[in-house]
Amino acid sequence: MSGVLVVDDEKLIRLLLSRALKKEGITVVDAENGSEAREKLKKRRFDLVILDLRLGDINGVDLLKDMRATSPETMVIVITAYGSDDLKKRSKNKGSKVIMRSPLIPLR
């Protein structure tokens, strides 16, 4: 496995996700904003990206769109505390397979 990129501007969420994945022996890289995530995505491929939709500097849907153009095989799980039907639809249209409400409560 090439690893997982966790992208969230909330430090606690990043830490919790990273620690849980590392306990399972998974290589984890994290990014606190969209710009940092873009730089890391330019340097390496990831098997999975866990992506918050609200990143402060870049909209997560825009980052997801960019990722699909350069790395369409990467699995993406979108997390958000601001789940709406519109965000859910736009994320799915851009290639996210799973959308979850942060902190990790599935959207209905």
PDB file of N, CA and C in Angstrom:
ATOM      1  N   MET A   1       0.840  -1.175   0.000  1.00  0.00           N
ATOM      2  CA  MET A   1       0.000   0.000   0.000  1.00  0.00           C
ATOM      3  C   MET A   1       0.885   1.238   0.000  1.00  0.00           C
ATOM      4  N   SER A   2       0.559   2.206  -0.849  1.00  0.00           N
ATOM      5  CA  SER A   2       1.321   3.451  -0.907  1.00  0.00           C
ATOM      6  C   SER A   2       1.001   4.386   0.234  1.00  0.00           C
ATOM      7  N   GLY A   3      -0.081   4.135   0.908  1.00  0.00           N
ATOM      8  CA  GLY A   3      -0.400   4.942   2.064  1.00  0.00           C
ATOM      9  C   GLY A   3      -1.671   5.744   1.907  1.00  0.00           C
ATOM     10  N   VAL A   4      -1.964   6.466   2.977  1.00  0.00           N
ATOM     11  CA  VAL A   4      -3.181   7.250   3.074  1.00  0.00           C
ATOM     12  C   VAL A   4      -2.807   8.700   3.350  1.00  0.00           C
ATOM     13  N   LEU A   5      -3.477   9.601   2.658  1.00  0.00           N
ATOM     14  CA  LEU A   5      -3.341  11.030   2.918  1.00  0.00           C
ATOM     15  C   LEU A   5      -4.590  11.495   3.634  1.00  0.00           C
ATOM     16  N   VAL A   6      -4.427  12.069   4.824  1.00  0.00           N
ATOM     17  CA  VAL A   6      -5.532  12.615   5.602  1.00  0.00           C
ATOM     18  C   VAL A   6      -5.472  14.134   5.483  1.00  0.00           C
ATOM     19  N   VAL A   7      -6.534  14.732   4.926  1.00  0.00           N
ATOM     20  CA  VAL A   7      -6.576  16.172   4.698  1.00  0.00           C
ATOM     21  C   VAL A   7      -7.732  16.763   5.493  1.00  0.00           C
ATOM     22  N   ASP A   8      -7.393  17.511   6.527  1.00  0.00           N
ATOM     23  CA  ASP A   8      -8.421  18.155   7.357  1.00  0.00           C
ATOM     24  C   ASP A   8      -7.793  19.336   8.076  1.00  0.00           C
ATOM     25  N   ASP A   9      -8.495  20.452   8.108  1.00  0.00           N
ATOM     26  CA  ASP A   9      -7.966  21.631   8.789  1.00  0.00           C
ATOM     27  C   ASP A   9      -8.153  21.553  10.303  1.00  0.00           C
ATOM     28  N   GLU A  10      -8.929  20.585  10.764  1.00  0.00           N
ATOM     29  CA  GLU A  10      -9.104  20.373  12.201  1.00  0.00           C
ATOM     30  C   GLU A  10      -8.017  19.413  12.698  1.00  0.00           C
ATOM     31  N   LYS A  11      -7.118  19.938  13.510  1.00  0.00           N
ATOM     32  CA  LYS A  11      -5.977  19.155  13.987  1.00  0.00           C
ATOM     33  C   LYS A  11      -6.405  17.880  14.711  1.00  0.00           C
ATOM     34  N   LEU A  12      -7.412  17.959  15.559  1.00  0.00           N
ATOM     35  CA  LEU A  12      -7.855  16.798  16.327  1.00  0.00           C
ATOM     36  C   LEU A  12      -8.350  15.683  15.408  1.00  0.00           C
ATOM     37  N   ILE A  13      -9.113  16.026  14.390  1.00  0.00           N
ATOM     38  CA  ILE A  13      -9.602  15.016  13.447  1.00  0.00           C
ATOM     39  C   ILE A  13      -8.426  14.362  12.727  1.00  0.00           C
ATOM     40  N   ARG A  14      -7.469  15.186  12.253  1.00  0.00           N
ATOM     41  CA  ARG A  14      -6.275  14.645  11.581  1.00  0.00           C
ATOM     42  C   ARG A  14      -5.535  13.667  12.484  1.00  0.00           C
ATOM     43  N   LEU A  15      -5.334  14.070  13.734  1.00  0.00           N
ATOM     44  CA  LEU A  15      -4.603  13.216  14.684  1.00  0.00           C
ATOM     45  C   LEU A  15      -5.337  11.905  14.957  1.00  0.00           C
ATOM     46  N   LEU A  16      -6.633  11.983  15.193  1.00  0.00           N
ATOM     47  CA  LEU A  16      -7.408  10.775  15.484  1.00  0.00           C
ATOM     48  C   LEU A  16      -7.378   9.797  14.314  1.00  0.00           C
ATOM     49  N   LEU A  17      -7.604  10.310  13.109  1.00  0.00           N
ATOM     50  CA  LEU A  17      -7.588   9.444  11.932  1.00  0.00           C
ATOM     51  C   LEU A  17      -6.193   8.859  11.703  1.00  0.00           C
ATOM     52  N   SER A  18      -5.189   9.703  11.791  1.00  0.00           N
ATOM     53  CA  SER A  18      -3.814   9.244  11.564  1.00  0.00           C
ATOM     54  C   SER A  18      -3.404   8.172  12.566  1.00  0.00           C
ATOM     55  N   ARG A  19      -3.692   8.393  13.833  1.00  0.00           N
ATOM     56  CA  ARG A  19      -3.325   7.414  14.864  1.00  0.00           C
ATOM     57  C   ARG A  19      -4.032   6.081  14.662  1.00  0.00           C
ATOM     58  N   ALA A  20      -5.330   6.147  14.327  1.00  0.00           N
ATOM     59  CA  ALA A  20      -6.090   4.905  14.120  1.00  0.00           C
ATOM     60  C   ALA A  20      -5.527   4.114  12.947  1.00  0.00           C
ATOM     61  N   LEU A  21      -5.192   4.791  11.870  1.00  0.00           N
ATOM     62  CA  LEU A  21      -4.642   4.111  10.696  1.00  0.00           C
ATOM     63  C   LEU A  21      -3.237   3.566  10.973  1.00  0.00           C
ATOM     64  N   LYS A  22      -2.426   4.342  11.668  1.00  0.00           N
ATOM     65  CA  LYS A  22      -1.063   3.893  11.984  1.00  0.00           C
ATOM     66  C   LYS A  22      -1.085   2.660  12.885  1.00  0.00           C
ATOM     67  N   LYS A  23      -2.051   2.587  13.790  1.00  0.00           N
ATOM     68  CA  LYS A  23      -2.171   1.409  14.661  1.00  0.00           C
ATOM     69  C   LYS A  23      -2.417   0.142  13.842  1.00  0.00           C
ATOM     70  N   GLU A  24      -2.997   0.319  12.664  1.00  0.00           N
ATOM     71  CA  GLU A  24      -3.267  -0.812  11.769  1.00  0.00           C
ATOM     72  C   GLU A  24      -2.095  -1.099  10.835  1.00  0.00           C
ATOM     73  N   GLY A  25      -0.980  -0.371  11.039  1.00  0.00           N
ATOM     74  CA  GLY A  25       0.210  -0.590  10.234  1.00  0.00           C
ATOM     75  C   GLY A  25       0.196   0.117   8.886  1.00  0.00           C
ATOM     76  N   ILE A  26      -0.673   1.082   8.736  1.00  0.00           N
ATOM     77  CA  ILE A  26      -0.808   1.811   7.473  1.00  0.00           C
ATOM     78  C   ILE A  26       0.072   3.055   7.512  1.00  0.00           C
ATOM     79  N   THR A  27       0.741   3.324   6.411  1.00  0.00           N
ATOM     80  CA  THR A  27       1.550   4.532   6.278  1.00  0.00           C
ATOM     81  C   THR A  27       0.610   5.713   6.082  1.00  0.00           C
ATOM     82  N   VAL A  28       0.758   6.738   6.915  1.00  0.00           N
ATOM     83  CA  VAL A  28      -0.135   7.891   6.875  1.00  0.00           C
ATOM     84  C   VAL A  28       0.672   9.174   6.718  1.00  0.00           C
ATOM     85  N   VAL A  29       0.190  10.029   5.834  1.00  0.00           N
ATOM     86  CA  VAL A  29       0.706  11.379   5.653  1.00  0.00           C
ATOM     87  C   VAL A  29      -0.483  12.296   5.877  1.00  0.00           C
ATOM     88  N   ASP A  30      -0.250  13.436   6.534  1.00  0.00           N
ATOM     89  CA  ASP A  30      -1.390  14.335   6.704  1.00  0.00           C
ATOM     90  C   ASP A  30      -1.094  15.718   6.143  1.00  0.00           C
ATOM     91  N   ALA A  31      -2.192  16.444   5.902  1.00  0.00           N
ATOM     92  CA  ALA A  31      -2.107  17.809   5.393  1.00  0.00           C
ATOM     93  C   ALA A  31      -3.170  18.627   6.102  1.00  0.00           C
ATOM     94  N   GLU A  32      -2.788  19.833   6.549  1.00  0.00           N
ATOM     95  CA  GLU A  32      -3.733  20.657   7.300  1.00  0.00           C
ATOM     96  C   GLU A  32      -4.555  21.596   6.433  1.00  0.00           C
ATOM     97  N   ASN A  33      -4.251  21.660   5.141  1.00  0.00           N
ATOM     98  CA  ASN A  33      -5.060  22.490   4.242  1.00  0.00           C
ATOM     99  C   ASN A  33      -4.928  21.977   2.809  1.00  0.00           C
ATOM    100  N   GLY A  34      -5.714  22.571   1.917  1.00  0.00           N
ATOM    101  CA  GLY A  34      -5.723  22.120   0.536  1.00  0.00           C
ATOM    102  C   GLY A  34      -4.425  22.359  -0.198  1.00  0.00           C
ATOM    103  N   SER A  35      -3.770  23.479   0.077  1.00  0.00           N
ATOM    104  CA  SER A  35      -2.499  23.785  -0.592  1.00  0.00           C
ATOM    105  C   SER A  35      -1.439  22.757  -0.227  1.00  0.00           C
ATOM    106  N   GLU A  36      -1.366  22.416   1.041  1.00  0.00           N
ATOM    107  CA  GLU A  36      -0.397  21.414   1.492  1.00  0.00           C
ATOM    108  C   GLU A  36      -0.726  20.049   0.878  1.00  0.00           C
ATOM    109  N   ALA A  37      -2.008  19.733   0.799  1.00  0.00           N
ATOM    110  CA  ALA A  37      -2.422  18.465   0.197  1.00  0.00           C
ATOM    111  C   ALA A  37      -2.025  18.417  -1.274  1.00  0.00           C
ATOM    112  N   ARG A  38      -2.234  19.502  -2.004  1.00  0.00           N
ATOM    113  CA  ARG A  38      -1.855  19.544  -3.425  1.00  0.00           C
ATOM    114  C   ARG A  38      -0.370  19.272  -3.605  1.00  0.00           C
ATOM    115  N   GLU A  39       0.464  19.882  -2.760  1.00  0.00           N
ATOM    116  CA  GLU A  39       1.912  19.672  -2.854  1.00  0.00           C
ATOM    117  C   GLU A  39       2.270  18.211  -2.598  1.00  0.00           C
ATOM    118  N   LYS A  40       1.638  17.613  -1.607  1.00  0.00           N
ATOM    119  CA  LYS A  40       1.928  16.212  -1.284  1.00  0.00           C
ATOM    120  C   LYS A  40       1.435  15.277  -2.384  1.00  0.00           C
ATOM    121  N   LEU A  41       0.323  15.627  -3.001  1.00  0.00           N
ATOM    122  CA  LEU A  41      -0.213  14.819  -4.096  1.00  0.00           C
ATOM    123  C   LEU A  41       0.654  14.917  -5.350  1.00  0.00           C
ATOM    124  N   LYS A  42       1.375  16.025  -5.511  1.00  0.00           N
ATOM    125  CA  LYS A  42       2.298  16.169  -6.646  1.00  0.00           C
ATOM    126  C   LYS A  42       3.517  15.275  -6.480  1.00  0.00           C
ATOM    127  N   LYS A  43       3.901  15.031  -5.225  1.00  0.00           N
ATOM    128  CA  LYS A  43       5.128  14.300  -4.931  1.00  0.00           C
ATOM    129  C   LYS A  43       4.954  12.793  -4.856  1.00  0.00           C
ATOM    130  N   ARG A  44       3.718  12.337  -4.571  1.00  0.00           N
ATOM    131  CA  ARG A  44       3.522  10.892  -4.435  1.00  0.00           C
ATOM    132  C   ARG A  44       2.077  10.510  -4.648  1.00  0.00           C
ATOM    133  N   ARG A  45       1.888   9.261  -4.972  1.00  0.00           N
ATOM    134  CA  ARG A  45       0.542   8.698  -5.157  1.00  0.00           C
ATOM    135  C   ARG A  45       0.107   8.042  -3.848  1.00  0.00           C
ATOM    136  N   PHE A  46      -1.174   8.127  -3.573  1.00  0.00           N
ATOM    137  CA  PHE A  46      -1.747   7.503  -2.387  1.00  0.00           C
ATOM    138  C   PHE A  46      -2.823   6.526  -2.815  1.00  0.00           C
ATOM    139  N   ASP A  47      -2.988   5.464  -2.029  1.00  0.00           N
ATOM    140  CA  ASP A  47      -4.067   4.514  -2.288  1.00  0.00           C
ATOM    141  C   ASP A  47      -5.411   5.088  -1.860  1.00  0.00           C
ATOM    142  N   LEU A  48      -5.379   5.909  -0.814  1.00  0.00           N
ATOM    143  CA  LEU A  48      -6.604   6.468  -0.250  1.00  0.00           C
ATOM    144  C   LEU A  48      -6.339   7.891   0.213  1.00  0.00           C
ATOM    145  N   VAL A  49      -7.315   8.766  -0.020  1.00  0.00           N
ATOM    146  CA  VAL A  49      -7.285  10.115   0.530  1.00  0.00           C
ATOM    147  C   VAL A  49      -8.561  10.298   1.335  1.00  0.00           C
ATOM    148  N   ILE A  50      -8.399  10.689   2.594  1.00  0.00           N
ATOM    149  CA  ILE A  50      -9.537  11.053   3.432  1.00  0.00           C
ATOM    150  C   ILE A  50      -9.562  12.576   3.437  1.00  0.00           C
ATOM    151  N   LEU A  51     -10.629  13.152   2.887  1.00  0.00           N
ATOM    152  CA  LEU A  51     -10.657  14.565   2.540  1.00  0.00           C
ATOM    153  C   LEU A  51     -11.831  15.294   3.174  1.00  0.00           C
ATOM    154  N   ASP A  52     -11.520  16.324   3.938  1.00  0.00           N
ATOM    155  CA  ASP A  52     -12.557  17.211   4.470  1.00  0.00           C
ATOM    156  C   ASP A  52     -12.975  18.161   3.352  1.00  0.00           C
ATOM    157  N   LEU A  53     -14.249  18.523   3.304  1.00  0.00           N
ATOM    158  CA  LEU A  53     -14.723  19.421   2.248  1.00  0.00           C
ATOM    159  C   LEU A  53     -14.431  20.883   2.527  1.00  0.00           C
ATOM    160  N   ARG A  54     -14.365  21.265   3.776  1.00  0.00           N
ATOM    161  CA  ARG A  54     -14.077  22.663   4.123  1.00  0.00           C
ATOM    162  C   ARG A  54     -12.680  22.744   4.698  1.00  0.00           C
ATOM    163  N   LEU A  55     -11.778  23.286   3.885  1.00  0.00           N
ATOM    164  CA  LEU A  55     -10.363  23.302   4.266  1.00  0.00           C
ATOM    165  C   LEU A  55      -9.840  24.688   4.580  1.00  0.00           C
ATOM    166  N   GLY A  56     -10.635  25.699   4.440  1.00  0.00           N
ATOM    167  CA  GLY A  56     -10.172  27.054   4.714  1.00  0.00           C
ATOM    168  C   GLY A  56      -9.612  27.730   3.489  1.00  0.00           C
ATOM    169  N   ASP A  57      -8.546  27.178   2.921  1.00  0.00           N
ATOM    170  CA  ASP A  57      -7.898  27.840   1.783  1.00  0.00           C
ATOM    171  C   ASP A  57      -8.419  27.363   0.433  1.00  0.00           C
ATOM    172  N   ILE A  58      -8.834  26.107   0.349  1.00  0.00           N
ATOM    173  CA  ILE A  58      -9.313  25.526  -0.904  1.00  0.00           C
ATOM    174  C   ILE A  58     -10.564  24.707  -0.607  1.00  0.00           C
ATOM    175  N   ASN A  59     -11.543  24.789  -1.465  1.00  0.00           N
ATOM    176  CA  ASN A  59     -12.734  23.971  -1.336  1.00  0.00           C
ATOM    177  C   ASN A  59     -12.359  22.515  -1.608  1.00  0.00           C
ATOM    178  N   GLY A  60     -12.795  21.613  -0.738  1.00  0.00           N
ATOM    179  CA  GLY A  60     -12.467  20.204  -0.888  1.00  0.00           C
ATOM    180  C   GLY A  60     -12.983  19.591  -2.181  1.00  0.00           C
ATOM    181  N   VAL A  61     -14.128  20.077  -2.672  1.00  0.00           N
ATOM    182  CA  VAL A  61     -14.660  19.571  -3.944  1.00  0.00           C
ATOM    183  C   VAL A  61     -13.712  19.939  -5.084  1.00  0.00           C
ATOM    184  N   ASP A  62     -13.143  21.150  -5.051  1.00  0.00           N
ATOM    185  CA  ASP A  62     -12.180  21.553  -6.079  1.00  0.00           C
ATOM    186  C   ASP A  62     -10.918  20.695  -6.010  1.00  0.00           C
ATOM    187  N   LEU A  63     -10.455  20.410  -4.805  1.00  0.00           N
ATOM    188  CA  LEU A  63      -9.284  19.546  -4.647  1.00  0.00           C
ATOM    189  C   LEU A  63      -9.583  18.141  -5.166  1.00  0.00           C
ATOM    190  N   LEU A  64     -10.768  17.647  -4.880  1.00  0.00           N
ATOM    191  CA  LEU A  64     -11.184  16.333  -5.368  1.00  0.00           C
ATOM    192  C   LEU A  64     -11.192  16.315  -6.899  1.00  0.00           C
ATOM    193  N   LYS A  65     -11.696  17.366  -7.505  1.00  0.00           N
ATOM    194  CA  LYS A  65     -11.713  17.471  -8.969  1.00  0.00           C
ATOM    195  C   LYS A  65     -10.288  17.429  -9.529  1.00  0.00           C
ATOM    196  N   ASP A  66      -9.382  18.187  -8.932  1.00  0.00           N
ATOM    197  CA  ASP A  66      -7.980  18.189  -9.366  1.00  0.00           C
ATOM    198  C   ASP A  66      -7.352  16.803  -9.222  1.00  0.00           C
ATOM    199  N   MET A  67      -7.652  16.122  -8.116  1.00  0.00           N
ATOM    200  CA  MET A  67      -7.113  14.785  -7.878  1.00  0.00           C
ATOM    201  C   MET A  67      -7.580  13.813  -8.942  1.00  0.00           C
ATOM    202  N   ARG A  68      -8.833  13.902  -9.333  1.00  0.00           N
ATOM    203  CA  ARG A  68      -9.391  13.006 -10.334  1.00  0.00           C
ATOM    204  C   ARG A  68      -8.687  13.178 -11.681  1.00  0.00           C
ATOM    205  N   ALA A  69      -8.244  14.400 -11.969  1.00  0.00           N
ATOM    206  CA  ALA A  69      -7.554  14.657 -13.235  1.00  0.00           C
ATOM    207  C   ALA A  69      -6.160  14.030 -13.265  1.00  0.00           C
ATOM    208  N   THR A  70      -5.499  13.978 -12.114  1.00  0.00           N
ATOM    209  CA  THR A  70      -4.118  13.483 -12.076  1.00  0.00           C
ATOM    210  C   THR A  70      -3.981  12.077 -11.508  1.00  0.00           C
ATOM    211  N   SER A  71      -4.945  11.644 -10.705  1.00  0.00           N
ATOM    212  CA  SER A  71      -4.843  10.343 -10.046  1.00  0.00           C
ATOM    213  C   SER A  71      -6.226   9.699  -9.909  1.00  0.00           C
ATOM    214  N   PRO A  72      -6.837   9.332 -11.048  1.00  0.00           N
ATOM    215  CA  PRO A  72      -8.212   8.814 -11.009  1.00  0.00           C
ATOM    216  C   PRO A  72      -8.378   7.495 -10.253  1.00  0.00           C
ATOM    217  N   GLU A  73      -7.299   6.764 -10.055  1.00  0.00           N
ATOM    218  CA  GLU A  73      -7.396   5.470  -9.379  1.00  0.00           C
ATOM    219  C   GLU A  73      -7.401   5.583  -7.851  1.00  0.00           C
ATOM    220  N   THR A  74      -7.081   6.737  -7.328  1.00  0.00           N
ATOM    221  CA  THR A  74      -7.027   6.917  -5.878  1.00  0.00           C
ATOM    222  C   THR A  74      -8.436   6.913  -5.282  1.00  0.00           C
ATOM    223  N   MET A  75      -8.650   6.074  -4.279  1.00  0.00           N
ATOM    224  CA  MET A  75      -9.928   6.026  -3.572  1.00  0.00           C
ATOM    225  C   MET A  75     -10.017   7.250  -2.672  1.00  0.00           C
ATOM    226  N   VAL A  76     -11.207   7.848  -2.583  1.00  0.00           N
ATOM    227  CA  VAL A  76     -11.404   9.044  -1.770  1.00  0.00           C
ATOM    228  C   VAL A  76     -12.603   8.845  -0.849  1.00  0.00           C
ATOM    229  N   ILE A  77     -12.383   9.147   0.422  1.00  0.00           N
ATOM    230  CA  ILE A  77     -13.468   9.217   1.397  1.00  0.00           C
ATOM    231  C   ILE A  77     -13.584  10.677   1.796  1.00  0.00           C
ATOM    232  N   VAL A  78     -14.764  11.249   1.602  1.00  0.00           N
ATOM    233  CA  VAL A  78     -15.012  12.643   1.965  1.00  0.00           C
ATOM    234  C   VAL A  78     -15.638  12.680   3.348  1.00  0.00           C
ATOM    235  N   ILE A  79     -15.105  13.555   4.206  1.00  0.00           N
ATOM    236  CA  ILE A  79     -15.713  13.783   5.518  1.00  0.00           C
ATOM    237  C   ILE A  79     -16.078  15.251   5.617  1.00  0.00           C
ATOM    238  N   THR A  80     -17.187  15.521   6.286  1.00  0.00           N
ATOM    239  CA  THR A  80     -17.602  16.905   6.456  1.00  0.00           C
ATOM    240  C   THR A  80     -18.524  17.042   7.654  1.00  0.00           C
ATOM    241  N   ALA A  81     -18.396  18.152   8.331  1.00  0.00           N
ATOM    242  CA  ALA A  81     -19.318  18.466   9.425  1.00  0.00           C
ATOM    243  C   ALA A  81     -20.517  19.223   8.885  1.00  0.00           C
ATOM    244  N   TYR A  82     -20.457  19.575   7.606  1.00  0.00           N
ATOM    245  CA  TYR A  82     -21.492  20.402   6.982  1.00  0.00           C
ATOM    246  C   TYR A  82     -22.137  19.651   5.830  1.00  0.00           C
ATOM    247  N   GLY A  83     -22.661  18.474   6.119  1.00  0.00           N
ATOM    248  CA  GLY A  83     -23.242  17.655   5.069  1.00  0.00           C
ATOM    249  C   GLY A  83     -24.549  18.223   4.549  1.00  0.00           C
ATOM    250  N   SER A  84     -24.627  18.396   3.250  1.00  0.00           N
ATOM    251  CA  SER A  84     -25.866  18.789   2.604  1.00  0.00           C
ATOM    252  C   SER A  84     -26.038  17.912   1.374  1.00  0.00           C
ATOM    253  N   ASP A  85     -27.249  17.847   0.875  1.00  0.00           N
ATOM    254  CA  ASP A  85     -27.485  17.036  -0.316  1.00  0.00           C
ATOM    255  C   ASP A  85     -26.668  17.544  -1.489  1.00  0.00           C
ATOM    256  N   ASP A  86     -26.509  18.867  -1.604  1.00  0.00           N
ATOM    257  CA  ASP A  86     -25.739  19.441  -2.702  1.00  0.00           C
ATOM    258  C   ASP A  86     -24.262  19.041  -2.616  1.00  0.00           C
ATOM    259  N   LEU A  87     -23.674  19.177  -1.420  1.00  0.00           N
ATOM    260  CA  LEU A  87     -22.273  18.777  -1.246  1.00  0.00           C
ATOM    261  C   LEU A  87     -22.093  17.290  -1.498  1.00  0.00           C
ATOM    262  N   LYS A  88     -23.017  16.517  -1.012  1.00  0.00           N
ATOM    263  CA  LYS A  88     -22.955  15.067  -1.206  1.00  0.00           C
ATOM    264  C   LYS A  88     -22.976  14.737  -2.704  1.00  0.00           C
ATOM    265  N   LYS A  89     -23.878  15.367  -3.433  1.00  0.00           N
ATOM    266  CA  LYS A  89     -24.007  15.124  -4.872  1.00  0.00           C
ATOM    267  C   LYS A  89     -22.747  15.574  -5.621  1.00  0.00           C
ATOM    268  N   ARG A  90     -22.252  16.780  -5.308  1.00  0.00           N
ATOM    269  CA  ARG A  90     -21.061  17.283  -5.996  1.00  0.00           C
ATOM    270  C   ARG A  90     -19.849  16.404  -5.716  1.00  0.00           C
ATOM    271  N   SER A  91     -19.705  15.944  -4.481  1.00  0.00           N
ATOM    272  CA  SER A  91     -18.573  15.071  -4.134  1.00  0.00           C
ATOM    273  C   SER A  91     -18.653  13.745  -4.876  1.00  0.00           C
ATOM    274  N   LYS A  92     -19.833  13.161  -4.920  1.00  0.00           N
ATOM    275  CA  LYS A  92     -20.005  11.895  -5.646  1.00  0.00           C
ATOM    276  C   LYS A  92     -19.734  12.092  -7.132  1.00  0.00           C
ATOM    277  N   ASN A  93     -20.192  13.219  -7.685  1.00  0.00           N
ATOM    278  CA  ASN A  93     -19.962  13.497  -9.108  1.00  0.00           C
ATOM    279  C   ASN A  93     -18.480  13.664  -9.424  1.00  0.00           C
ATOM    280  N   LYS A  94     -17.691  14.087  -8.450  1.00  0.00           N
ATOM    281  CA  LYS A  94     -16.254  14.279  -8.655  1.00  0.00           C
ATOM    282  C   LYS A  94     -15.450  13.020  -8.338  1.00  0.00           C
ATOM    283  N   GLY A  95     -16.127  11.967  -7.891  1.00  0.00           N
ATOM    284  CA  GLY A  95     -15.416  10.704  -7.731  1.00  0.00           C
ATOM    285  C   GLY A  95     -15.281  10.155  -6.332  1.00  0.00           C
ATOM    286  N   SER A  96     -15.878  10.782  -5.352  1.00  0.00           N
ATOM    287  CA  SER A  96     -15.805  10.226  -4.002  1.00  0.00           C
ATOM    288  C   SER A  96     -16.712   9.002  -3.917  1.00  0.00           C
ATOM    289  N   LYS A  97     -16.235   7.958  -3.290  1.00  0.00           N
ATOM    290  CA  LYS A  97     -17.023   6.737  -3.134  1.00  0.00           C
ATOM    291  C   LYS A  97     -17.819   6.735  -1.834  1.00  0.00           C
ATOM    292  N   VAL A  98     -17.289   7.382  -0.817  1.00  0.00           N
ATOM    293  CA  VAL A  98     -17.917   7.388   0.505  1.00  0.00           C
ATOM    294  C   VAL A  98     -17.916   8.816   1.022  1.00  0.00           C
ATOM    295  N   ILE A  99     -19.037   9.213   1.619  1.00  0.00           N
ATOM    296  CA  ILE A  99     -19.121  10.534   2.249  1.00  0.00           C
ATOM    297  C   ILE A  99     -19.597  10.315   3.669  1.00  0.00           C
ATOM    298  N   MET A 100     -18.859  10.865   4.627  1.00  0.00           N
ATOM    299  CA  MET A 100     -19.199  10.689   6.026  1.00  0.00           C
ATOM    300  C   MET A 100     -19.226  12.040   6.735  1.00  0.00           C
ATOM    301  N   ARG A 101     -20.125  12.150   7.689  1.00  0.00           N
ATOM    302  CA  ARG A 101     -20.183  13.360   8.492  1.00  0.00           C
ATOM    303  C   ARG A 101     -19.113  13.283   9.558  1.00  0.00           C
ATOM    304  N   SER A 102     -18.369  14.347   9.719  1.00  0.00           N
ATOM    305  CA  SER A 102     -17.318  14.393  10.723  1.00  0.00           C
ATOM    306  C   SER A 102     -17.958  14.653  12.083  1.00  0.00           C
ATOM    307  N   PRO A 103     -17.591  14.016  13.138  1.00  0.00           N
ATOM    308  CA  PRO A 103     -16.537  13.017  13.237  1.00  0.00           C
ATOM    309  C   PRO A 103     -17.050  11.607  12.912  1.00  0.00           C
ATOM    310  N   LEU A 104     -16.967  11.289  11.667  1.00  0.00           N
ATOM    311  CA  LEU A 104     -17.183   9.946  11.140  1.00  0.00           C
ATOM    312  C   LEU A 104     -18.557   9.366  11.421  1.00  0.00           C
ATOM    313  N   ILE A 105     -19.604  10.171  11.247  1.00  0.00           N
ATOM    314  CA  ILE A 105     -20.982   9.694  11.338  1.00  0.00           C
ATOM    315  C   ILE A 105     -21.512   9.648   9.909  1.00  0.00           C
ATOM    316  N   PRO A 106     -21.914   8.480   9.391  1.00  0.00           N
ATOM    317  CA  PRO A 106     -22.341   8.403   7.994  1.00  0.00           C
ATOM    318  C   PRO A 106     -23.510   9.338   7.681  1.00  0.00           C
ATOM    319  N   LEU A 107     -23.431  10.004   6.532  1.00  0.00           N
ATOM    320  CA  LEU A 107     -24.543  10.813   6.047  1.00  0.00           C
ATOM    321  C   LEU A 107     -25.653   9.882   5.562  1.00  0.00           C
ATOM    322  N   ARG A 108     -26.870  10.295   5.709  1.00  0.00           N
ATOM    323  CA  ARG A 108     -28.001   9.477   5.231  1.00  0.00           C
ATOM    324  C   ARG A 108     -28.569  10.050   3.973  1.00  0.00           C
TER     325      ARG A 108
END
